[in-house]
Amino acid sequence: MLIKTGIERLDELMKGGIPAVTNTLLYSPPFIGKENILNKFVLSGLEEGEPVIFVLTDKSFSEMRKEMERLDKNFSGYESEGKVKYID
């Protein structure tokens, strides 16, 4: 089973997405867009009904929320449904 990343072209390059039940390392030089890929992946999972846990090390809850709301106006709805949790 493959899990879509939320980025159509990346899914094509990965022949459908990320293999389920695996650990995946996203590695690249700084400032390439790893965080953007991760955020799209999170939103894709939320759209499919998957819960998300953010482990925050360099951002506050409100900063993370604002960042995600820029990508999806419904993000606060996922929070109110209990699908998003934060660990600081």
C-alpha atoms as a PDB file:
ATOM      1  CA  MET A   1       0.000   0.000   0.000  1.00  0.00           C
ATOM      2  CA  LEU A   2       1.247   3.473  -0.880  1.00  0.00           C
ATOM      3  CA  ILE A   3       0.430   6.705   0.915  1.00  0.00           C
ATOM      4  CA  LYS A   4       0.139   9.825  -1.205  1.00  0.00           C
ATOM      5  CA  THR A   5       2.384  12.726  -0.246  1.00  0.00           C
ATOM      6  CA  GLY A   6      -0.078  15.407  -1.291  1.00  0.00           C
ATOM      7  CA  ILE A   7       2.310  16.513  -4.036  1.00  0.00           C
ATOM      8  CA  GLU A   8       1.257  14.990  -7.334  1.00  0.00           C
ATOM      9  CA  ARG A   9       4.640  15.166  -9.058  1.00  0.00           C
ATOM     10  CA  LEU A  10       6.454  13.679  -6.061  1.00  0.00           C
ATOM     11  CA  ASP A  11       3.940  10.820  -5.957  1.00  0.00           C
ATOM     12  CA  GLU A  12       4.607  10.190  -9.653  1.00  0.00           C
ATOM     13  CA  LEU A  13       8.368  10.090  -9.073  1.00  0.00           C
ATOM     14  CA  MET A  14       7.865   7.694  -6.159  1.00  0.00           C
ATOM     15  CA  LYS A  15       5.589   5.455  -8.256  1.00  0.00           C
ATOM     16  CA  GLY A  16       2.487   6.249  -6.240  1.00  0.00           C
ATOM     17  CA  GLY A  17       3.673   7.553  -2.891  1.00  0.00           C
ATOM     18  CA  ILE A  18       5.437   6.484   0.282  1.00  0.00           C
ATOM     19  CA  PRO A  19       5.176   2.806   1.247  1.00  0.00           C
ATOM     20  CA  ALA A  20       2.847   2.364   4.230  1.00  0.00           C
ATOM     21  CA  VAL A  21       4.150   1.066   7.558  1.00  0.00           C
ATOM     22  CA  THR A  22       7.698   2.221   6.886  1.00  0.00           C
ATOM     23  CA  ASN A  23      10.082   4.803   8.239  1.00  0.00           C
ATOM     24  CA  THR A  24      10.955   7.433   5.679  1.00  0.00           C
ATOM     25  CA  LEU A  25      13.821   9.889   5.918  1.00  0.00           C
ATOM     26  CA  LEU A  26      13.543  13.160   4.043  1.00  0.00           C
ATOM     27  CA  TYR A  27      17.075  14.447   3.609  1.00  0.00           C
ATOM     28  CA  SER A  28      18.421  17.414   1.671  1.00  0.00           C
ATOM     29  CA  PRO A  29      20.583  20.484   2.106  1.00  0.00           C
ATOM     30  CA  PRO A  30      19.114  23.386   4.105  1.00  0.00           C
ATOM     31  CA  PHE A  31      16.415  25.605   2.575  1.00  0.00           C
ATOM     32  CA  ILE A  32      15.310  23.165  -0.126  1.00  0.00           C
ATOM     33  CA  GLY A  33      11.702  22.778   1.059  1.00  0.00           C
ATOM     34  CA  LYS A  34      11.606  19.729   3.326  1.00  0.00           C
ATOM     35  CA  GLU A  35       9.183  21.429   5.683  1.00  0.00           C
ATOM     36  CA  ASN A  36       6.844  22.304   2.812  1.00  0.00           C
ATOM     37  CA  ILE A  37       6.818  18.670   1.708  1.00  0.00           C
ATOM     38  CA  LEU A  38       6.093  17.546   5.260  1.00  0.00           C
ATOM     39  CA  ASN A  39       3.243  20.029   5.676  1.00  0.00           C
ATOM     40  CA  LYS A  40       1.635  18.916   2.405  1.00  0.00           C
ATOM     41  CA  PHE A  41       1.988  15.294   3.519  1.00  0.00           C
ATOM     42  CA  VAL A  42       0.303  16.110   6.837  1.00  0.00           C
ATOM     43  CA  LEU A  43      -2.595  17.841   5.091  1.00  0.00           C
ATOM     44  CA  SER A  44      -2.979  14.943   2.686  1.00  0.00           C
ATOM     45  CA  GLY A  45      -3.254  12.569   5.637  1.00  0.00           C
ATOM     46  CA  LEU A  46      -5.757  14.784   7.427  1.00  0.00           C
ATOM     47  CA  GLU A  47      -7.903  14.915   4.294  1.00  0.00           C
ATOM     48  CA  GLU A  48      -7.909  11.104   4.311  1.00  0.00           C
ATOM     49  CA  GLY A  49      -8.998  11.053   7.959  1.00  0.00           C
ATOM     50  CA  GLU A  50      -5.616  10.248   9.492  1.00  0.00           C
ATOM     51  CA  PRO A  51      -4.709  11.895  12.818  1.00  0.00           C
ATOM     52  CA  VAL A  52      -1.492  13.890  13.162  1.00  0.00           C
ATOM     53  CA  ILE A  53       0.891  14.559  16.027  1.00  0.00           C
ATOM     54  CA  PHE A  54       3.289  17.489  15.679  1.00  0.00           C
ATOM     55  CA  VAL A  55       6.413  17.278  17.838  1.00  0.00           C
ATOM     56  CA  LEU A  56       7.489  20.912  18.027  1.00  0.00           C
ATOM     57  CA  THR A  57      11.090  21.819  18.723  1.00  0.00           C
ATOM     58  CA  ASP A  58      11.514  25.256  17.186  1.00  0.00           C
ATOM     59  CA  LYS A  59       7.966  26.627  16.784  1.00  0.00           C
ATOM     60  CA  SER A  60       5.068  27.381  19.068  1.00  0.00           C
ATOM     61  CA  PHE A  61       1.602  25.884  18.661  1.00  0.00           C
ATOM     62  CA  SER A  62       0.295  29.156  17.275  1.00  0.00           C
ATOM     63  CA  GLU A  63       3.146  29.487  14.761  1.00  0.00           C
ATOM     64  CA  MET A  64       2.540  25.953  13.510  1.00  0.00           C
ATOM     65  CA  ARG A  65      -1.201  26.538  13.316  1.00  0.00           C
ATOM     66  CA  LYS A  66      -0.727  29.750  11.300  1.00  0.00           C
ATOM     67  CA  GLU A  67       1.654  27.991   8.930  1.00  0.00           C
ATOM     68  CA  MET A  68      -0.799  25.156   8.342  1.00  0.00           C
ATOM     69  CA  GLU A  69      -3.785  27.504   7.976  1.00  0.00           C
ATOM     70  CA  ARG A  70      -1.946  29.289   5.155  1.00  0.00           C
ATOM     71  CA  LEU A  71      -1.955  25.966   3.300  1.00  0.00           C
ATOM     72  CA  ASP A  72      -5.475  24.864   4.272  1.00  0.00           C
ATOM     73  CA  LYS A  73      -8.154  27.180   5.641  1.00  0.00           C
ATOM     74  CA  ASN A  74      -9.876  24.149   7.235  1.00  0.00           C
ATOM     75  CA  PHE A  75      -6.894  23.270   9.443  1.00  0.00           C
ATOM     76  CA  SER A  76      -8.551  24.591  12.608  1.00  0.00           C
ATOM     77  CA  GLY A  77     -11.459  22.270  11.812  1.00  0.00           C
ATOM     78  CA  TYR A  78      -9.115  19.289  11.985  1.00  0.00           C
ATOM     79  CA  GLU A  79      -7.928  20.549  15.368  1.00  0.00           C
ATOM     80  CA  SER A  80     -11.466  20.890  16.695  1.00  0.00           C
ATOM     81  CA  GLU A  81     -12.233  17.340  15.488  1.00  0.00           C
ATOM     82  CA  GLY A  82      -9.303  16.122  17.605  1.00  0.00           C
ATOM     83  CA  LYS A  83      -7.279  14.986  14.599  1.00  0.00           C
ATOM     84  CA  VAL A  84      -4.311  17.247  15.403  1.00  0.00           C
ATOM     85  CA  LYS A  85      -2.237  17.033  18.578  1.00  0.00           C
ATOM     86  CA  TYR A  86       0.891  18.908  19.597  1.00  0.00           C
ATOM     87  CA  ILE A  87       3.834  17.875  21.743  1.00  0.00           C
ATOM     88  CA  ASP A  88       6.202  20.618  22.824  1.00  0.00           C
END
